[in-house]
Amino acid sequence: MLFKLFTAPFDLIIKVGEKVKEEADKELYDLTTIQNKLIQLQMMYELEEIPEEVYKNKEQELLIRYEKAKLIEMQQWEEMTKKK
C-alpha cells in the first residue's frame, strides 16, 4: 500500500505522457489532415503566397508523412485481420 502511494504520481505522469503521444501521432499521421494540408499548400503556392522552394520542401515533408500514415494504416489492418 505504501508503495502505491509513492508510485501513483509517476504512473499518472506516464499515462498522461502516453495519451499526449497518442494524440500527437494522430495529428501527425492522420490521412485526412495530411490531405487537407497538401491541398492548402497547393492553394498557397498557386496564389503565390509562398515561393516554389518552400512549397516543394513542405510538400515533400507532407508526402513522407502521408506514406508513413498509409504504412501505419496497413499494419493496423494486418493486425486486425490476424486476430480474427
C-alpha atoms as a PDB file:
ATOM      1  CA  MET A   1       0.000   0.000   0.000  1.00  0.00           C
ATOM      2  CA  LEU A   2       2.783   2.421   0.883  1.00  0.00           C
ATOM      3  CA  PHE A   3       4.489   1.551  -2.414  1.00  0.00           C
ATOM      4  CA  LYS A   4       1.358   2.597  -4.343  1.00  0.00           C
ATOM      5  CA  LEU A   5       1.328   5.974  -2.614  1.00  0.00           C
ATOM      6  CA  PHE A   6       4.817   6.707  -3.862  1.00  0.00           C
ATOM      7  CA  THR A   7       4.428   5.314  -7.378  1.00  0.00           C
ATOM      8  CA  ALA A   8       0.955   6.705  -8.145  1.00  0.00           C
ATOM      9  CA  PRO A   9       2.211  10.151  -9.278  1.00  0.00           C
ATOM     10  CA  PHE A  10       4.726   8.500 -11.600  1.00  0.00           C
ATOM     11  CA  ASP A  11       2.095   6.171 -13.028  1.00  0.00           C
ATOM     12  CA  LEU A  12      -0.151   9.152 -13.701  1.00  0.00           C
ATOM     13  CA  ILE A  13       2.650  11.059 -15.434  1.00  0.00           C
ATOM     14  CA  ILE A  14       3.379   8.034 -17.624  1.00  0.00           C
ATOM     15  CA  LYS A  15      -0.290   7.648 -18.567  1.00  0.00           C
ATOM     16  CA  VAL A  16      -0.607  11.344 -19.408  1.00  0.00           C
ATOM     17  CA  GLY A  17       2.567  11.172 -21.492  1.00  0.00           C
ATOM     18  CA  GLU A  18       1.274   8.145 -23.394  1.00  0.00           C
ATOM     19  CA  LYS A  19      -2.019   9.933 -24.099  1.00  0.00           C
ATOM     20  CA  VAL A  20      -0.215  13.057 -25.331  1.00  0.00           C
ATOM     21  CA  LYS A  21       1.942  10.921 -27.635  1.00  0.00           C
ATOM     22  CA  GLU A  22      -1.122   9.103 -28.939  1.00  0.00           C
ATOM     23  CA  GLU A  23      -2.886  12.389 -29.736  1.00  0.00           C
ATOM     24  CA  ALA A  24       0.229  13.866 -31.350  1.00  0.00           C
ATOM     25  CA  ASP A  25       0.654  10.770 -33.522  1.00  0.00           C
ATOM     26  CA  LYS A  26      -2.997  11.021 -34.533  1.00  0.00           C
ATOM     27  CA  GLU A  27      -2.491  14.605 -35.651  1.00  0.00           C
ATOM     28  CA  LEU A  28       0.848  13.909 -37.283  1.00  0.00           C
ATOM     29  CA  TYR A  29      -0.233  10.783 -39.165  1.00  0.00           C
ATOM     30  CA  ASP A  30      -3.936  11.382 -39.786  1.00  0.00           C
ATOM     31  CA  LEU A  31      -4.512  10.849 -43.512  1.00  0.00           C
ATOM     32  CA  THR A  32      -7.335  13.375 -43.785  1.00  0.00           C
ATOM     33  CA  THR A  33      -5.307  16.049 -42.005  1.00  0.00           C
ATOM     34  CA  ILE A  34      -2.326  15.462 -44.275  1.00  0.00           C
ATOM     35  CA  GLN A  35      -4.500  15.575 -47.395  1.00  0.00           C
ATOM     36  CA  ASN A  36      -6.060  18.846 -46.263  1.00  0.00           C
ATOM     37  CA  LYS A  37      -2.637  20.332 -45.594  1.00  0.00           C
ATOM     38  CA  LEU A  38      -1.474  19.287 -49.058  1.00  0.00           C
ATOM     39  CA  ILE A  39      -4.497  20.985 -50.626  1.00  0.00           C
ATOM     40  CA  GLN A  40      -3.937  24.129 -48.563  1.00  0.00           C
ATOM     41  CA  LEU A  41      -0.256  24.149 -49.508  1.00  0.00           C
ATOM     42  CA  GLN A  42      -1.123  23.804 -53.201  1.00  0.00           C
ATOM     43  CA  MET A  43      -3.558  26.707 -52.973  1.00  0.00           C
ATOM     44  CA  MET A  44      -0.999  28.893 -51.208  1.00  0.00           C
ATOM     45  CA  TYR A  45       1.527  28.149 -53.933  1.00  0.00           C
ATOM     46  CA  GLU A  46      -0.931  28.812 -56.759  1.00  0.00           C
ATOM     47  CA  LEU A  47      -1.930  32.118 -55.168  1.00  0.00           C
ATOM     48  CA  GLU A  48       1.790  32.954 -54.934  1.00  0.00           C
ATOM     49  CA  GLU A  49       1.656  33.264 -51.154  1.00  0.00           C
ATOM     50  CA  ILE A  50       4.717  31.056 -50.808  1.00  0.00           C
ATOM     51  CA  PRO A  51       7.765  30.603 -53.067  1.00  0.00           C
ATOM     52  CA  GLU A  52       8.324  27.402 -55.038  1.00  0.00           C
ATOM     53  CA  GLU A  53      11.210  26.248 -52.838  1.00  0.00           C
ATOM     54  CA  VAL A  54       9.091  26.464 -49.666  1.00  0.00           C
ATOM     55  CA  TYR A  55       6.262  24.694 -51.472  1.00  0.00           C
ATOM     56  CA  LYS A  56       8.470  21.834 -52.634  1.00  0.00           C
ATOM     57  CA  ASN A  57      10.088  21.357 -49.212  1.00  0.00           C
ATOM     58  CA  LYS A  58       6.771  21.348 -47.348  1.00  0.00           C
ATOM     59  CA  GLU A  59       5.158  19.115 -49.975  1.00  0.00           C
ATOM     60  CA  GLN A  60       7.976  16.594 -49.628  1.00  0.00           C
ATOM     61  CA  GLU A  61       7.597  16.608 -45.841  1.00  0.00           C
ATOM     62  CA  LEU A  62       3.832  16.054 -46.090  1.00  0.00           C
ATOM     63  CA  LEU A  63       4.227  13.274 -48.660  1.00  0.00           C
ATOM     64  CA  ILE A  64       6.674  11.448 -46.389  1.00  0.00           C
ATOM     65  CA  ARG A  65       4.183  11.748 -43.513  1.00  0.00           C
ATOM     66  CA  TYR A  66       1.419  10.505 -45.823  1.00  0.00           C
ATOM     67  CA  GLU A  67       3.443   7.430 -46.799  1.00  0.00           C
ATOM     68  CA  LYS A  68       4.176   6.674 -43.153  1.00  0.00           C
ATOM     69  CA  ALA A  69       0.495   7.126 -42.266  1.00  0.00           C
ATOM     70  CA  LYS A  70      -0.522   4.702 -45.025  1.00  0.00           C
ATOM     71  CA  LEU A  71       2.040   2.190 -43.757  1.00  0.00           C
ATOM     72  CA  ILE A  72       0.679   2.509 -40.211  1.00  0.00           C
ATOM     73  CA  GLU A  73      -2.855   2.044 -41.536  1.00  0.00           C
ATOM     74  CA  MET A  74      -1.838  -1.088 -43.437  1.00  0.00           C
ATOM     75  CA  GLN A  75      -0.120  -2.520 -40.356  1.00  0.00           C
ATOM     76  CA  GLN A  76      -3.228  -1.882 -38.279  1.00  0.00           C
ATOM     77  CA  TRP A  77      -5.386  -3.673 -40.873  1.00  0.00           C
ATOM     78  CA  GLU A  78      -2.988  -6.630 -40.869  1.00  0.00           C
ATOM     79  CA  GLU A  79      -3.132  -6.839 -37.076  1.00  0.00           C
ATOM     80  CA  MET A  80      -6.936  -6.723 -37.144  1.00  0.00           C
ATOM     81  CA  THR A  81      -7.177  -9.475 -39.748  1.00  0.00           C
ATOM     82  CA  LYS A  82      -4.751 -11.719 -37.832  1.00  0.00           C
ATOM     83  CA  LYS A  83      -6.899 -11.506 -34.705  1.00  0.00           C
ATOM     84  CA  LYS A  84      -9.915 -12.931 -36.482  1.00  0.00           C
END
